Amino acid sequence: MNGETQEKLPLGRWRHFKGGEYQVYGVAIHSETEEEYVVYRPLYGEGKLWIRPLSMWLEEVERDGKKQKRFTYIGE
């Protein structure tokens, strides 16, 4: 993970726009495409380790006619 990615995505706790909280561990690079993926774990349920494209993690979504971030950083 380069410094630019780290600035885009601080590690720690994040909240999804629907309310769930997640622990972000880092950003992984796909070996073939070099696409960046967020490595995270939900702080509820089974706690499995997941990945999601960084571009999707950082995007805005529209809900009830209002644009908002998909995930918001809430701290370490």
Protein backbone atom coordinates (compact mmCIF):
# COMPACT_ATOMS: atom_id res chain seq x y z
CA MET A 1 0.00 0.00 0.00
CA ASN A 2 1.46 3.33 -0.97
CA GLY A 3 1.27 6.57 1.02
CA GLU A 4 -1.40 7.99 -1.28
CA THR A 5 -3.72 5.05 -0.57
CA GLN A 6 -3.11 5.35 3.17
CA GLU A 7 -4.19 9.00 3.03
CA LYS A 8 -7.36 7.99 1.17
CA LEU A 9 -8.19 5.25 3.63
CA PRO A 10 -7.22 5.50 7.29
CA LEU A 11 -7.16 2.19 9.15
CA GLY A 12 -9.60 1.63 11.99
CA ARG A 13 -13.35 1.70 12.45
CA TRP A 14 -15.76 2.71 9.71
CA ARG A 15 -19.56 3.00 9.61
CA HIS A 16 -21.61 1.95 6.59
CA PHE A 17 -24.39 4.32 5.56
CA LYS A 18 -26.91 1.66 6.64
CA GLY A 19 -25.42 1.63 10.16
CA GLY A 20 -23.09 -1.38 10.45
CA GLU A 21 -19.56 -0.88 11.77
CA TYR A 22 -16.42 -2.40 10.30
CA GLN A 23 -12.73 -2.69 11.16
CA VAL A 24 -10.42 -1.88 8.24
CA TYR A 25 -7.05 -3.66 8.30
CA GLY A 26 -5.51 -2.37 5.10
CA VAL A 27 -5.60 -2.27 1.34
CA ALA A 28 -4.59 -5.30 -0.76
CA ILE A 29 -3.52 -5.22 -4.40
CA HIS A 30 -4.94 -7.74 -6.89
CA SER A 31 -2.01 -9.70 -8.36
CA GLU A 32 -3.30 -9.59 -11.97
CA THR A 33 -5.15 -6.29 -12.30
CA GLU A 34 -3.41 -4.27 -9.56
CA GLU A 35 -6.85 -3.08 -8.44
CA GLU A 36 -6.91 -1.99 -4.79
CA TYR A 37 -9.21 -3.76 -2.34
CA VAL A 38 -10.12 -2.84 1.23
CA VAL A 39 -9.57 -5.68 3.71
CA TYR A 40 -12.13 -5.46 6.51
CA ARG A 41 -14.17 -7.36 9.09
CA PRO A 42 -17.71 -6.58 10.28
CA LEU A 43 -17.90 -5.79 14.00
CA TYR A 44 -21.07 -7.88 14.26
CA GLY A 45 -22.19 -11.37 13.26
CA GLU A 46 -19.63 -14.07 12.41
CA GLY A 47 -16.79 -11.57 11.90
CA LYS A 48 -15.53 -13.08 8.65
CA LEU A 49 -12.75 -11.30 6.75
CA TRP A 50 -13.98 -9.57 3.56
CA ILE A 51 -12.61 -7.48 0.70
CA ARG A 52 -14.30 -4.76 -1.37
CA PRO A 53 -12.88 -2.62 -4.18
CA LEU A 54 -11.38 0.59 -2.78
CA SER A 55 -13.22 2.59 -5.43
CA MET A 56 -16.55 1.22 -4.15
CA TRP A 57 -15.57 1.81 -0.50
CA LEU A 58 -14.88 5.49 -1.19
CA GLU A 59 -17.83 6.22 -3.48
CA GLU A 60 -20.99 8.11 -2.70
CA VAL A 61 -24.40 6.46 -2.80
CA GLU A 62 -27.84 7.96 -3.16
CA ARG A 63 -30.52 7.08 -0.63
CA ASP A 64 -33.88 8.80 -0.32
CA GLY A 65 -32.73 11.39 -2.86
CA LYS A 66 -29.67 12.34 -0.79
CA LYS A 67 -26.03 11.64 -1.70
CA GLN A 68 -23.78 10.37 1.08
CA LYS A 69 -20.55 8.45 1.51
CA ARG A 70 -20.94 4.66 1.49
CA PHE A 71 -18.53 4.41 4.47
CA THR A 72 -17.49 7.06 7.01
CA TYR A 73 -14.36 6.83 9.14
CA ILE A 74 -15.18 6.92 12.87
CA GLY A 75 -11.77 6.33 14.47
CA GLU A 76 -9.10 3.85 15.46
